[in-house]
C-alpha atoms as a PDB file:
ATOM      1  CA  UNK A   1     -26.796  38.576  10.527  1.00  0.00           C
ATOM      2  CA  UNK A   2     -29.254  35.979  11.684  1.00  0.00           C
ATOM      3  CA  UNK A   3     -28.568  32.561  13.128  1.00  0.00           C
ATOM      4  CA  UNK A   4     -29.582  30.919   9.865  1.00  0.00           C
ATOM      5  CA  UNK A   5     -26.985  32.953   7.988  1.00  0.00           C
ATOM      6  CA  UNK A   6     -24.307  31.946  10.483  1.00  0.00           C
ATOM      7  CA  UNK A   7     -25.129  28.274   9.962  1.00  0.00           C
ATOM      8  CA  UNK A   8     -25.061  28.682   6.175  1.00  0.00           C
ATOM      9  CA  UNK A   9     -21.680  30.413   6.353  1.00  0.00           C
ATOM     10  CA  UNK A  10     -20.266  27.727   8.622  1.00  0.00           C
ATOM     11  CA  UNK A  11     -21.648  24.965   6.395  1.00  0.00           C
ATOM     12  CA  UNK A  12     -20.082  26.577   3.334  1.00  0.00           C
ATOM     13  CA  UNK A  13     -16.769  26.992   5.149  1.00  0.00           C
ATOM     14  CA  UNK A  14     -16.740  23.323   6.162  1.00  0.00           C
ATOM     15  CA  UNK A  15     -17.641  22.237   2.627  1.00  0.00           C
ATOM     16  CA  UNK A  16     -14.783  24.306   1.225  1.00  0.00           C
ATOM     17  CA  UNK A  17     -12.353  22.801   3.746  1.00  0.00           C
ATOM     18  CA  UNK A  18     -13.516  19.283   2.849  1.00  0.00           C
ATOM     19  CA  UNK A  19     -12.961  19.930  -0.865  1.00  0.00           C
ATOM     20  CA  UNK A  20      -9.505  21.327  -0.159  1.00  0.00           C
ATOM     21  CA  UNK A  21      -8.512  18.332   2.003  1.00  0.00           C
ATOM     22  CA  UNK A  22      -9.837  15.915  -0.622  1.00  0.00           C
ATOM     23  CA  UNK A  23      -7.696  17.617  -3.256  1.00  0.00           C
ATOM     24  CA  UNK A  24      -4.641  17.420  -1.002  1.00  0.00           C
ATOM     25  CA  UNK A  25      -5.264  13.718  -0.377  1.00  0.00           C
ATOM     26  CA  UNK A  26      -5.525  13.087  -4.107  1.00  0.00           C
ATOM     27  CA  UNK A  27      -2.259  14.942  -4.722  1.00  0.00           C
ATOM     28  CA  UNK A  28      -0.506  12.960  -2.010  1.00  0.00           C
ATOM     29  CA  UNK A  29      -1.811   9.686  -3.423  1.00  0.00           C
ATOM     30  CA  UNK A  30      -0.526  10.605  -6.870  1.00  0.00           C
ATOM     31  CA  UNK A  31       2.873  11.471  -5.403  1.00  0.00           C
ATOM     32  CA  UNK A  32       3.059   8.140  -3.579  1.00  0.00           C
ATOM     33  CA  UNK A  33       2.092   6.254  -6.734  1.00  0.00           C
ATOM     34  CA  UNK A  34       4.752   8.090  -8.721  1.00  0.00           C
ATOM     35  CA  UNK A  35       7.368   7.312  -6.068  1.00  0.00           C
ATOM     36  CA  UNK A  36       6.391   3.637  -6.096  1.00  0.00           C
ATOM     37  CA  UNK A  37       6.715   3.489  -9.890  1.00  0.00           C
ATOM     38  CA  UNK A  38      10.147   5.090  -9.668  1.00  0.00           C
ATOM     39  CA  UNK A  39      11.277   2.614  -6.996  1.00  0.00           C
ATOM     40  CA  UNK A  40      10.066  -0.263  -9.151  1.00  0.00           C
ATOM     41  CA  UNK A  41      11.938   1.101 -12.139  1.00  0.00           C
ATOM     42  CA  UNK A  42      15.113   1.447 -10.054  1.00  0.00           C
ATOM     43  CA  UNK A  43      14.811  -2.129  -8.853  1.00  0.00           C
ATOM     44  CA  UNK A  44      14.327  -3.432 -12.389  1.00  0.00           C
ATOM     45  CA  UNK A  45      17.437  -1.734 -13.672  1.00  0.00           C
ATOM     46  CA  UNK A  46      19.418  -1.990 -10.447  1.00  0.00           C
ATOM     47  CA  UNK A  47      20.289   1.289  -8.874  1.00  0.00           C
ATOM     48  CA  UNK A  48      23.988   2.008  -8.489  1.00  0.00           C
ATOM     49  CA  UNK A  49      23.911   1.785  -4.702  1.00  0.00           C
ATOM     50  CA  UNK A  50      22.117  -1.547  -4.556  1.00  0.00           C
ATOM     51  CA  UNK A  51      24.263  -2.974  -7.339  1.00  0.00           C
ATOM     52  CA  UNK A  52      27.394  -2.022  -5.419  1.00  0.00           C
ATOM     53  CA  UNK A  53      26.042  -3.600  -2.247  1.00  0.00           C
ATOM     54  CA  UNK A  54      25.149  -6.808  -4.078  1.00  0.00           C
ATOM     55  CA  UNK A  55      28.628  -6.975  -5.583  1.00  0.00           C
ATOM     56  CA  UNK A  56      30.256  -6.482  -2.188  1.00  0.00           C
ATOM     57  CA  UNK A  57      28.016  -9.118  -0.627  1.00  0.00           C
ATOM     58  CA  UNK A  58      28.846 -11.585  -3.391  1.00  0.00           C
ATOM     59  CA  UNK A  59      32.585 -10.893  -2.949  1.00  0.00           C
ATOM     60  CA  UNK A  60      32.343 -11.500   0.789  1.00  0.00           C
ATOM     61  CA  UNK A  61      30.430 -14.717   0.177  1.00  0.00           C
ATOM     62  CA  UNK A  62      33.042 -15.920  -2.316  1.00  0.00           C
ATOM     63  CA  UNK A  63      35.888 -15.107   0.081  1.00  0.00           C
ATOM     64  CA  UNK A  64      34.177 -16.958   2.907  1.00  0.00           C
ATOM     65  CA  UNK A  65      33.741 -20.043   0.704  1.00  0.00           C
ATOM     66  CA  UNK A  66      37.403 -19.919  -0.327  1.00  0.00           C
ATOM     67  CA  UNK A  67      38.518 -19.767   3.323  1.00  0.00           C
ATOM     68  CA  UNK A  68      36.202 -22.621   4.248  1.00  0.00           C
ATOM     69  CA  UNK A  69      37.427 -24.804   1.369  1.00  0.00           C
ATOM     70  CA  UNK A  70      41.085 -24.521   2.463  1.00  0.00           C
END
C-alpha cells in the first residue's frame, strides 16, 4: 500500500464520518423541533401539572386578599 492509497483511505474515512455526524445532527434537530411543538401544544391546552399549580397559586392569592381585607 502506497502513501497515496493511505491518504485516499483516510480521506474516505473522514468523509464517511462527516456524513454520519451530519445525519446525527439532523436527527437531533428534528427531535428538538418535535419536543418544542409538543411543549407548545401542552401550553395551549394546559397540562395537568401546570393547571394544578395555577389553581393553587390563584387560591393562595385569593386567601391573601381575604386576610388583607379583614
